[in-house]
Amino acid sequence: MTDTATPAATPADQATDNQPTYAIEKIYVKDLSLEVPNAPQIFLEREAPQVDVQLHHTSKNVSDGIYQTELTVTVTAKVGDKTMFLVECCQAGIFAIRNVPNQDMEPILGIGNPNILYPYARETISDAIVRAGFPPVLLNPVNFEALFQAQKEQEAQQAAAAPVTTH
């Protein structure tokens, strides 16, 4: 048996180890709910429904350098005061994000990850609505960067408006 020496890490190898990395590990539907509370009468309605779309996303660190982002999309269609359908999809993803400066993590988790998940959620919701017997609902694209900036501005305004207490 011969002993082989493991070569020492070169500066180039160490630099590669410190490079920022971003990888999609898994994209999946975490939760899906569909309700058609007024069936079968709702299928006889000829009036176009009012469609409301709500978005919410959260991210958390689940392991060293591994983050989960959940994007929840809720679509409610009503004719008058009757709910035609309500579908909610929680599209989730597991992302490996390493060696990224802390100041860059919030935009990645609040803009980048939801941008990746949204097309999957759109497809899942459209498919569920069609399977429920309704025409497809094609959700408009969402500018997560604008939503992120608006949230940051709102947080800054709330912080500025908060009363300062002194003792």
N, C-alpha and C. Protein backbone atom coordinates (compact mmCIF):
# COMPACT_ATOMS: atom_id res chain seq x y z
N MET A 1 0.85 -1.16 0.00
CA MET A 1 0.00 0.00 0.00
C MET A 1 0.90 1.23 0.00
N THR A 2 0.60 2.16 -0.86
CA THR A 2 1.42 3.37 -0.94
C THR A 2 0.64 4.54 -0.36
N ASP A 3 1.37 5.43 0.25
CA ASP A 3 0.75 6.65 0.78
C ASP A 3 0.84 7.72 -0.30
N THR A 4 -0.31 8.37 -0.51
CA THR A 4 -0.30 9.49 -1.45
C THR A 4 -0.61 10.74 -0.66
N ALA A 5 0.14 11.75 -0.90
CA ALA A 5 -0.06 13.01 -0.20
C ALA A 5 -1.14 13.82 -0.90
N THR A 6 -1.99 14.40 -0.11
CA THR A 6 -3.01 15.28 -0.66
C THR A 6 -2.36 16.63 -0.86
N PRO A 7 -2.45 17.18 -2.08
CA PRO A 7 -1.81 18.47 -2.31
C PRO A 7 -2.46 19.56 -1.46
N ALA A 8 -1.65 20.47 -1.01
CA ALA A 8 -2.15 21.59 -0.21
C ALA A 8 -2.99 22.49 -1.10
N ALA A 9 -3.97 23.10 -0.49
CA ALA A 9 -4.84 24.01 -1.24
C ALA A 9 -4.03 25.20 -1.72
N THR A 10 -4.20 25.52 -2.96
CA THR A 10 -3.49 26.67 -3.53
C THR A 10 -4.32 27.92 -3.28
N PRO A 11 -3.71 29.09 -3.38
CA PRO A 11 -4.48 30.33 -3.22
C PRO A 11 -5.66 30.41 -4.19
N ALA A 12 -5.50 29.88 -5.39
CA ALA A 12 -6.59 29.90 -6.37
C ALA A 12 -7.76 29.05 -5.87
N ASP A 13 -7.46 27.88 -5.26
CA ASP A 13 -8.52 27.02 -4.71
C ASP A 13 -9.25 27.73 -3.57
N GLN A 14 -8.50 28.40 -2.72
CA GLN A 14 -9.11 29.11 -1.61
C GLN A 14 -9.98 30.26 -2.10
N ALA A 15 -9.56 30.93 -3.15
CA ALA A 15 -10.35 32.03 -3.71
C ALA A 15 -11.66 31.49 -4.28
N THR A 16 -11.60 30.32 -4.91
CA THR A 16 -12.80 29.70 -5.47
C THR A 16 -13.77 29.34 -4.35
N ASP A 17 -13.25 28.87 -3.21
CA ASP A 17 -14.09 28.50 -2.08
C ASP A 17 -14.81 29.70 -1.50
N ASN A 18 -14.27 30.90 -1.67
CA ASN A 18 -14.88 32.10 -1.12
C ASN A 18 -15.75 32.86 -2.12
N GLN A 19 -15.87 32.34 -3.33
CA GLN A 19 -16.68 32.99 -4.34
C GLN A 19 -18.16 32.88 -3.98
N PRO A 20 -18.94 33.95 -4.22
CA PRO A 20 -20.38 33.85 -3.98
C PRO A 20 -20.99 32.77 -4.88
N THR A 21 -21.88 31.98 -4.31
CA THR A 21 -22.56 30.95 -5.08
C THR A 21 -24.06 31.05 -4.83
N TYR A 22 -24.82 30.73 -5.87
CA TYR A 22 -26.28 30.74 -5.81
C TYR A 22 -26.75 29.57 -6.65
N ALA A 23 -27.52 28.69 -6.05
CA ALA A 23 -28.02 27.53 -6.79
C ALA A 23 -29.43 27.20 -6.32
N ILE A 24 -30.26 26.80 -7.26
CA ILE A 24 -31.60 26.32 -6.94
C ILE A 24 -31.47 24.84 -6.62
N GLU A 25 -31.82 24.46 -5.41
CA GLU A 25 -31.75 23.06 -5.00
C GLU A 25 -33.04 22.32 -5.32
N LYS A 26 -34.19 22.97 -5.07
CA LYS A 26 -35.48 22.32 -5.29
C LYS A 26 -36.57 23.37 -5.37
N ILE A 27 -37.52 23.18 -6.29
CA ILE A 27 -38.72 24.01 -6.39
C ILE A 27 -39.90 23.05 -6.28
N TYR A 28 -40.85 23.40 -5.40
CA TYR A 28 -41.97 22.49 -5.17
C TYR A 28 -43.20 23.25 -4.69
N VAL A 29 -44.37 22.60 -4.85
CA VAL A 29 -45.62 23.14 -4.32
C VAL A 29 -45.72 22.66 -2.88
N LYS A 30 -45.69 23.61 -1.95
CA LYS A 30 -45.76 23.26 -0.53
C LYS A 30 -47.21 23.09 -0.08
N ASP A 31 -48.11 23.89 -0.64
CA ASP A 31 -49.52 23.82 -0.28
C ASP A 31 -50.35 24.32 -1.45
N LEU A 32 -51.49 23.66 -1.67
CA LEU A 32 -52.40 24.07 -2.74
C LEU A 32 -53.81 23.85 -2.24
N SER A 33 -54.63 24.89 -2.36
CA SER A 33 -56.01 24.81 -1.90
C SER A 33 -56.92 25.41 -2.97
N LEU A 34 -58.04 24.73 -3.23
CA LEU A 34 -59.02 25.21 -4.20
C LEU A 34 -60.39 25.05 -3.60
N GLU A 35 -61.17 26.12 -3.63
CA GLU A 35 -62.54 26.07 -3.13
C GLU A 35 -63.48 26.60 -4.20
N VAL A 36 -64.60 25.90 -4.39
CA VAL A 36 -65.68 26.36 -5.26
C VAL A 36 -66.95 26.26 -4.40
N PRO A 37 -67.13 27.24 -3.49
CA PRO A 37 -68.18 27.11 -2.47
C PRO A 37 -69.61 27.19 -3.00
N ASN A 38 -69.82 27.79 -4.15
CA ASN A 38 -71.18 27.97 -4.66
C ASN A 38 -71.49 27.08 -5.86
N ALA A 39 -70.76 25.97 -5.99
CA ALA A 39 -71.05 25.03 -7.07
C ALA A 39 -72.31 24.26 -6.70
N PRO A 40 -73.12 23.87 -7.60
CA PRO A 40 -73.02 24.00 -9.06
C PRO A 40 -73.62 25.28 -9.62
N GLN A 41 -74.36 26.04 -8.78
CA GLN A 41 -75.07 27.22 -9.30
C GLN A 41 -74.11 28.24 -9.91
N ILE A 42 -72.91 28.35 -9.39
CA ILE A 42 -71.97 29.36 -9.88
C ILE A 42 -71.60 29.13 -11.34
N PHE A 43 -71.71 27.87 -11.80
CA PHE A 43 -71.38 27.57 -13.20
C PHE A 43 -72.44 28.10 -14.17
N LEU A 44 -73.59 28.49 -13.64
CA LEU A 44 -74.66 29.03 -14.48
C LEU A 44 -74.55 30.54 -14.63
N GLU A 45 -73.67 31.17 -13.89
CA GLU A 45 -73.47 32.62 -13.97
C GLU A 45 -72.84 32.98 -15.31
N ARG A 46 -73.31 34.07 -15.89
CA ARG A 46 -72.76 34.52 -17.17
C ARG A 46 -71.99 35.82 -17.03
N GLU A 47 -72.07 36.43 -15.86
CA GLU A 47 -71.38 37.68 -15.60
C GLU A 47 -69.88 37.42 -15.39
N ALA A 48 -69.07 38.34 -15.88
CA ALA A 48 -67.62 38.21 -15.70
C ALA A 48 -67.27 38.43 -14.23
N PRO A 49 -66.40 37.60 -13.68
CA PRO A 49 -66.06 37.74 -12.27
C PRO A 49 -65.06 38.87 -12.02
N GLN A 50 -65.04 39.38 -10.80
CA GLN A 50 -64.01 40.29 -10.33
C GLN A 50 -62.93 39.40 -9.74
N VAL A 51 -61.70 39.56 -10.20
CA VAL A 51 -60.61 38.71 -9.74
C VAL A 51 -59.65 39.54 -8.88
N ASP A 52 -59.36 39.03 -7.69
CA ASP A 52 -58.44 39.68 -6.77
C ASP A 52 -57.24 38.76 -6.56
N VAL A 53 -56.04 39.32 -6.65
CA VAL A 53 -54.81 38.54 -6.48
C VAL A 53 -54.02 39.13 -5.32
N GLN A 54 -53.62 38.28 -4.39
CA GLN A 54 -52.81 38.68 -3.25
C GLN A 54 -51.50 37.89 -3.27
N LEU A 55 -50.39 38.56 -2.98
CA LEU A 55 -49.07 37.93 -2.94
C LEU A 55 -48.45 38.12 -1.57
N HIS A 56 -47.73 37.10 -1.13
CA HIS A 56 -46.99 37.19 0.12
C HIS A 56 -45.80 36.24 0.00
N HIS A 57 -44.63 36.68 0.48
CA HIS A 57 -43.49 35.77 0.47
C HIS A 57 -42.69 35.91 1.75
N THR A 58 -42.07 34.80 2.13
CA THR A 58 -41.20 34.77 3.30
C THR A 58 -39.98 33.93 2.95
N SER A 59 -38.90 34.22 3.61
CA SER A 59 -37.67 33.43 3.45
C SER A 59 -37.08 33.16 4.81
N LYS A 60 -36.46 32.01 4.94
CA LYS A 60 -35.78 31.70 6.19
C LYS A 60 -34.58 30.82 5.91
N ASN A 61 -33.61 30.93 6.80
CA ASN A 61 -32.41 30.10 6.72
C ASN A 61 -32.75 28.76 7.36
N VAL A 62 -32.59 27.67 6.62
CA VAL A 62 -32.93 26.35 7.15
C VAL A 62 -31.70 25.53 7.51
N SER A 63 -30.55 25.95 7.02
CA SER A 63 -29.29 25.27 7.30
C SER A 63 -28.18 26.22 6.87
N ASP A 64 -26.94 25.84 7.12
CA ASP A 64 -25.82 26.68 6.76
C ASP A 64 -25.79 26.93 5.25
N GLY A 65 -26.13 28.16 4.85
CA GLY A 65 -26.10 28.52 3.43
C GLY A 65 -27.30 28.01 2.64
N ILE A 66 -28.28 27.44 3.31
CA ILE A 66 -29.48 26.91 2.63
C ILE A 66 -30.68 27.71 3.11
N TYR A 67 -31.45 28.25 2.16
CA TYR A 67 -32.59 29.11 2.46
C TYR A 67 -33.83 28.55 1.78
N GLN A 68 -34.95 28.71 2.46
CA GLN A 68 -36.24 28.36 1.86
C GLN A 68 -37.02 29.65 1.66
N THR A 69 -37.54 29.83 0.47
CA THR A 69 -38.44 30.95 0.18
C THR A 69 -39.79 30.37 -0.17
N GLU A 70 -40.84 30.94 0.43
CA GLU A 70 -42.21 30.54 0.13
C GLU A 70 -42.93 31.74 -0.47
N LEU A 71 -43.54 31.53 -1.62
CA LEU A 71 -44.35 32.55 -2.28
C LEU A 71 -45.79 32.06 -2.28
N THR A 72 -46.65 32.78 -1.57
CA THR A 72 -48.05 32.40 -1.51
C THR A 72 -48.85 33.35 -2.39
N VAL A 73 -49.60 32.78 -3.33
CA VAL A 73 -50.44 33.54 -4.24
C VAL A 73 -51.88 33.10 -4.00
N THR A 74 -52.75 34.06 -3.69
CA THR A 74 -54.16 33.77 -3.46
C THR A 74 -54.98 34.50 -4.53
N VAL A 75 -55.81 33.74 -5.23
CA VAL A 75 -56.66 34.31 -6.28
C VAL A 75 -58.11 34.04 -5.89
N THR A 76 -58.89 35.12 -5.80
CA THR A 76 -60.31 35.01 -5.47
C THR A 76 -61.11 35.62 -6.61
N ALA A 77 -62.08 34.87 -7.12
CA ALA A 77 -62.97 35.37 -8.16
C ALA A 77 -64.38 35.42 -7.61
N LYS A 78 -65.02 36.57 -7.76
CA LYS A 78 -66.39 36.76 -7.25
C LYS A 78 -67.28 37.32 -8.34
N VAL A 79 -68.54 36.89 -8.30
CA VAL A 79 -69.59 37.48 -9.12
C VAL A 79 -70.56 38.07 -8.13
N GLY A 80 -70.59 39.40 -8.07
CA GLY A 80 -71.39 40.06 -7.04
C GLY A 80 -70.80 39.73 -5.69
N ASP A 81 -71.63 39.19 -4.80
CA ASP A 81 -71.13 38.81 -3.47
C ASP A 81 -70.89 37.32 -3.35
N LYS A 82 -71.04 36.59 -4.46
CA LYS A 82 -70.81 35.13 -4.46
C LYS A 82 -69.39 34.80 -4.92
N THR A 83 -68.73 33.96 -4.14
CA THR A 83 -67.39 33.53 -4.52
C THR A 83 -67.51 32.46 -5.60
N MET A 84 -66.87 32.73 -6.74
CA MET A 84 -66.84 31.76 -7.83
C MET A 84 -65.82 30.67 -7.49
N PHE A 85 -64.61 31.12 -7.18
CA PHE A 85 -63.57 30.20 -6.73
C PHE A 85 -62.53 30.96 -5.92
N LEU A 86 -61.83 30.20 -5.11
CA LEU A 86 -60.70 30.73 -4.35
C LEU A 86 -59.61 29.68 -4.45
N VAL A 87 -58.47 30.08 -4.95
CA VAL A 87 -57.33 29.16 -5.05
C VAL A 87 -56.12 29.82 -4.40
N GLU A 88 -55.42 29.02 -3.61
CA GLU A 88 -54.22 29.52 -2.95
C GLU A 88 -53.11 28.50 -3.16
N CYS A 89 -51.97 29.01 -3.61
CA CYS A 89 -50.81 28.17 -3.88
C CYS A 89 -49.62 28.72 -3.11
N CYS A 90 -48.98 27.85 -2.35
CA CYS A 90 -47.72 28.19 -1.71
C CYS A 90 -46.62 27.47 -2.47
N GLN A 91 -45.95 28.22 -3.34
CA GLN A 91 -44.85 27.69 -4.14
C GLN A 91 -43.58 27.95 -3.36
N ALA A 92 -42.78 26.92 -3.16
CA ALA A 92 -41.58 27.07 -2.34
C ALA A 92 -40.34 26.65 -3.12
N GLY A 93 -39.23 27.12 -2.63
CA GLY A 93 -37.96 26.75 -3.23
C GLY A 93 -36.89 26.68 -2.17
N ILE A 94 -35.94 25.79 -2.38
CA ILE A 94 -34.77 25.68 -1.53
C ILE A 94 -33.59 26.17 -2.35
N PHE A 95 -32.86 27.12 -1.80
CA PHE A 95 -31.77 27.78 -2.51
C PHE A 95 -30.49 27.69 -1.69
N ALA A 96 -29.40 27.35 -2.35
CA ALA A 96 -28.08 27.36 -1.71
C ALA A 96 -27.44 28.69 -2.04
N ILE A 97 -27.20 29.48 -1.00
CA ILE A 97 -26.62 30.81 -1.18
C ILE A 97 -25.46 30.92 -0.20
N ARG A 98 -24.27 31.02 -0.75
CA ARG A 98 -23.08 31.05 0.11
C ARG A 98 -22.14 32.17 -0.30
N ASN A 99 -21.42 32.67 0.70
CA ASN A 99 -20.39 33.70 0.50
C ASN A 99 -20.94 34.98 -0.13
N VAL A 100 -22.17 35.31 0.22
CA VAL A 100 -22.80 36.53 -0.27
C VAL A 100 -22.81 37.53 0.89
N PRO A 101 -22.37 38.75 0.67
CA PRO A 101 -22.38 39.76 1.74
C PRO A 101 -23.79 39.94 2.31
N ASN A 102 -23.87 40.18 3.62
CA ASN A 102 -25.16 40.32 4.30
C ASN A 102 -26.06 41.36 3.65
N GLN A 103 -25.50 42.49 3.21
CA GLN A 103 -26.31 43.55 2.62
C GLN A 103 -26.95 43.11 1.29
N ASP A 104 -26.43 42.07 0.66
CA ASP A 104 -26.98 41.58 -0.60
C ASP A 104 -28.00 40.46 -0.40
N MET A 105 -28.08 39.91 0.80
CA MET A 105 -28.99 38.78 1.03
C MET A 105 -30.45 39.18 0.96
N GLU A 106 -30.79 40.33 1.54
CA GLU A 106 -32.20 40.75 1.56
C GLU A 106 -32.77 40.91 0.15
N PRO A 107 -32.08 41.57 -0.79
CA PRO A 107 -32.60 41.65 -2.16
C PRO A 107 -32.68 40.28 -2.85
N ILE A 108 -31.75 39.40 -2.57
CA ILE A 108 -31.81 38.06 -3.18
C ILE A 108 -33.05 37.33 -2.70
N LEU A 109 -33.28 37.37 -1.37
CA LEU A 109 -34.41 36.66 -0.80
C LEU A 109 -35.74 37.35 -1.10
N GLY A 110 -35.73 38.68 -1.27
CA GLY A 110 -36.97 39.41 -1.48
C GLY A 110 -37.30 39.72 -2.92
N ILE A 111 -36.32 39.60 -3.81
CA ILE A 111 -36.56 39.89 -5.23
C ILE A 111 -36.23 38.67 -6.09
N GLY A 112 -34.99 38.20 -5.97
CA GLY A 112 -34.53 37.11 -6.85
C GLY A 112 -35.30 35.82 -6.69
N ASN A 113 -35.43 35.34 -5.45
CA ASN A 113 -36.12 34.07 -5.23
C ASN A 113 -37.60 34.12 -5.63
N PRO A 114 -38.36 35.17 -5.23
CA PRO A 114 -39.75 35.23 -5.68
C PRO A 114 -39.89 35.31 -7.21
N ASN A 115 -38.94 35.99 -7.87
CA ASN A 115 -38.97 36.04 -9.34
C ASN A 115 -38.84 34.66 -9.95
N ILE A 116 -38.07 33.80 -9.31
CA ILE A 116 -37.89 32.44 -9.81
C ILE A 116 -39.14 31.61 -9.55
N LEU A 117 -39.76 31.78 -8.38
CA LEU A 117 -40.90 30.96 -7.98
C LEU A 117 -42.21 31.35 -8.67
N TYR A 118 -42.38 32.63 -8.99
CA TYR A 118 -43.66 33.13 -9.50
C TYR A 118 -44.17 32.41 -10.75
N PRO A 119 -43.35 32.17 -11.77
CA PRO A 119 -43.88 31.46 -12.95
C PRO A 119 -44.43 30.07 -12.61
N TYR A 120 -43.81 29.40 -11.67
CA TYR A 120 -44.31 28.08 -11.26
C TYR A 120 -45.66 28.21 -10.56
N ALA A 121 -45.79 29.23 -9.70
CA ALA A 121 -47.06 29.46 -9.00
C ALA A 121 -48.16 29.83 -10.00
N ARG A 122 -47.83 30.65 -10.99
CA ARG A 122 -48.80 31.03 -12.03
C ARG A 122 -49.34 29.80 -12.74
N GLU A 123 -48.45 28.90 -13.12
CA GLU A 123 -48.85 27.69 -13.82
C GLU A 123 -49.71 26.79 -12.94
N THR A 124 -49.32 26.63 -11.69
CA THR A 124 -50.07 25.78 -10.76
C THR A 124 -51.48 26.33 -10.55
N ILE A 125 -51.60 27.63 -10.36
CA ILE A 125 -52.90 28.25 -10.14
C ILE A 125 -53.78 28.13 -11.38
N SER A 126 -53.24 28.43 -12.54
CA SER A 126 -54.00 28.32 -13.78
C SER A 126 -54.49 26.89 -13.99
N ASP A 127 -53.63 25.93 -13.76
CA ASP A 127 -53.99 24.52 -13.92
C ASP A 127 -55.10 24.12 -12.95
N ALA A 128 -55.02 24.56 -11.70
CA ALA A 128 -56.04 24.23 -10.71
C ALA A 128 -57.38 24.83 -11.09
N ILE A 129 -57.38 26.06 -11.58
CA ILE A 129 -58.63 26.72 -11.97
C ILE A 129 -59.28 26.00 -13.16
N VAL A 130 -58.48 25.59 -14.13
CA VAL A 130 -59.00 24.86 -15.28
C VAL A 130 -59.57 23.51 -14.84
N ARG A 131 -58.86 22.82 -13.96
CA ARG A 131 -59.34 21.52 -13.47
C ARG A 131 -60.63 21.65 -12.67
N ALA A 132 -60.87 22.85 -12.11
CA ALA A 132 -62.11 23.09 -11.37
C ALA A 132 -63.28 23.38 -12.31
N GLY A 133 -62.99 23.50 -13.61
CA GLY A 133 -64.06 23.70 -14.59
C GLY A 133 -64.24 25.12 -15.06
N PHE A 134 -63.28 25.98 -14.75
CA PHE A 134 -63.36 27.39 -15.15
C PHE A 134 -62.36 27.67 -16.26
N PRO A 135 -62.58 28.77 -17.00
CA PRO A 135 -61.56 29.17 -17.99
C PRO A 135 -60.27 29.54 -17.26
N PRO A 136 -59.13 29.40 -17.92
CA PRO A 136 -57.86 29.70 -17.26
C PRO A 136 -57.77 31.18 -16.86
N VAL A 137 -57.10 31.40 -15.75
CA VAL A 137 -56.79 32.76 -15.31
C VAL A 137 -55.28 32.90 -15.47
N LEU A 138 -54.88 33.84 -16.31
CA LEU A 138 -53.46 34.07 -16.53
C LEU A 138 -53.05 35.29 -15.72
N LEU A 139 -52.27 35.06 -14.70
CA LEU A 139 -51.83 36.14 -13.83
C LEU A 139 -50.79 37.00 -14.52
N ASN A 140 -50.90 38.30 -14.31
CA ASN A 140 -49.93 39.24 -14.89
C ASN A 140 -48.57 39.07 -14.24
N PRO A 141 -47.52 39.41 -14.97
CA PRO A 141 -46.19 39.41 -14.36
C PRO A 141 -46.15 40.38 -13.18
N VAL A 142 -45.26 40.11 -12.23
CA VAL A 142 -45.12 40.94 -11.04
C VAL A 142 -43.69 41.48 -10.97
N ASN A 143 -43.57 42.76 -10.66
CA ASN A 143 -42.27 43.39 -10.49
C ASN A 143 -41.90 43.32 -9.01
N PHE A 144 -41.21 42.26 -8.62
CA PHE A 144 -40.85 42.07 -7.21
C PHE A 144 -39.84 43.12 -6.74
N GLU A 145 -39.07 43.68 -7.67
CA GLU A 145 -38.13 44.73 -7.28
C GLU A 145 -38.89 45.97 -6.84
N ALA A 146 -39.94 46.35 -7.58
CA ALA A 146 -40.74 47.52 -7.19
C ALA A 146 -41.45 47.27 -5.87
N LEU A 147 -41.97 46.05 -5.66
CA LEU A 147 -42.62 45.72 -4.39
C LEU A 147 -41.62 45.79 -3.24
N PHE A 148 -40.42 45.30 -3.47
CA PHE A 148 -39.37 45.32 -2.45
C PHE A 148 -39.02 46.76 -2.08
N GLN A 149 -38.84 47.61 -3.10
CA GLN A 149 -38.50 49.02 -2.86
C GLN A 149 -39.62 49.73 -2.11
N ALA A 150 -40.87 49.46 -2.48
CA ALA A 150 -42.01 50.08 -1.80
C ALA A 150 -42.07 49.65 -0.34
N GLN A 151 -41.78 48.39 -0.07
CA GLN A 151 -41.77 47.89 1.30
C GLN A 151 -40.67 48.58 2.11
N LYS A 152 -39.49 48.74 1.51
CA LYS A 152 -38.38 49.41 2.19
C LYS A 152 -38.72 50.87 2.49
N GLU A 153 -39.36 51.55 1.54
CA GLU A 153 -39.75 52.95 1.75
C GLU A 153 -40.79 53.05 2.87
N GLN A 154 -41.74 52.11 2.89
CA GLN A 154 -42.76 52.11 3.94
C GLN A 154 -42.12 51.87 5.31
N GLU A 155 -41.17 50.95 5.38
CA GLU A 155 -40.48 50.69 6.65
C GLU A 155 -39.70 51.92 7.10
N ALA A 156 -39.06 52.62 6.16
CA ALA A 156 -38.30 53.83 6.50
C ALA A 156 -39.24 54.92 7.01
N GLN A 157 -40.40 55.08 6.39
CA GLN A 157 -41.36 56.09 6.83
C GLN A 157 -41.89 55.76 8.22
N GLN A 158 -42.15 54.48 8.47
CA GLN A 158 -42.64 54.08 9.78
C GLN A 158 -41.58 54.31 10.85
N ALA A 159 -40.33 54.04 10.52
CA ALA A 159 -39.24 54.26 11.47
C ALA A 159 -39.07 55.75 11.76
N ALA A 160 -39.22 56.59 10.73
CA ALA A 160 -39.08 58.03 10.90
C ALA A 160 -40.25 58.59 11.71
N ALA A 161 -41.43 58.00 11.59
CA ALA A 161 -42.62 58.50 12.28
C ALA A 161 -42.73 57.97 13.71
N ALA A 162 -41.93 56.97 14.04
CA ALA A 162 -41.98 56.38 15.38
C ALA A 162 -41.53 57.40 16.42
N PRO A 163 -42.25 57.49 17.51
CA PRO A 163 -41.85 58.47 18.54
C PRO A 163 -40.53 58.06 19.21
N VAL A 164 -39.74 59.05 19.52
CA VAL A 164 -38.47 58.81 20.18
C VAL A 164 -38.70 58.99 21.68
N THR A 165 -38.35 57.98 22.45
CA THR A 165 -38.51 58.06 23.89
C THR A 165 -37.16 58.27 24.55
N THR A 166 -37.13 59.17 25.50
CA THR A 166 -35.90 59.40 26.26
C THR A 166 -36.20 59.25 27.73
N HIS A 167 -35.24 58.84 28.45
CA HIS A 167 -35.42 58.66 29.90
C HIS A 167 -34.57 59.62 30.63
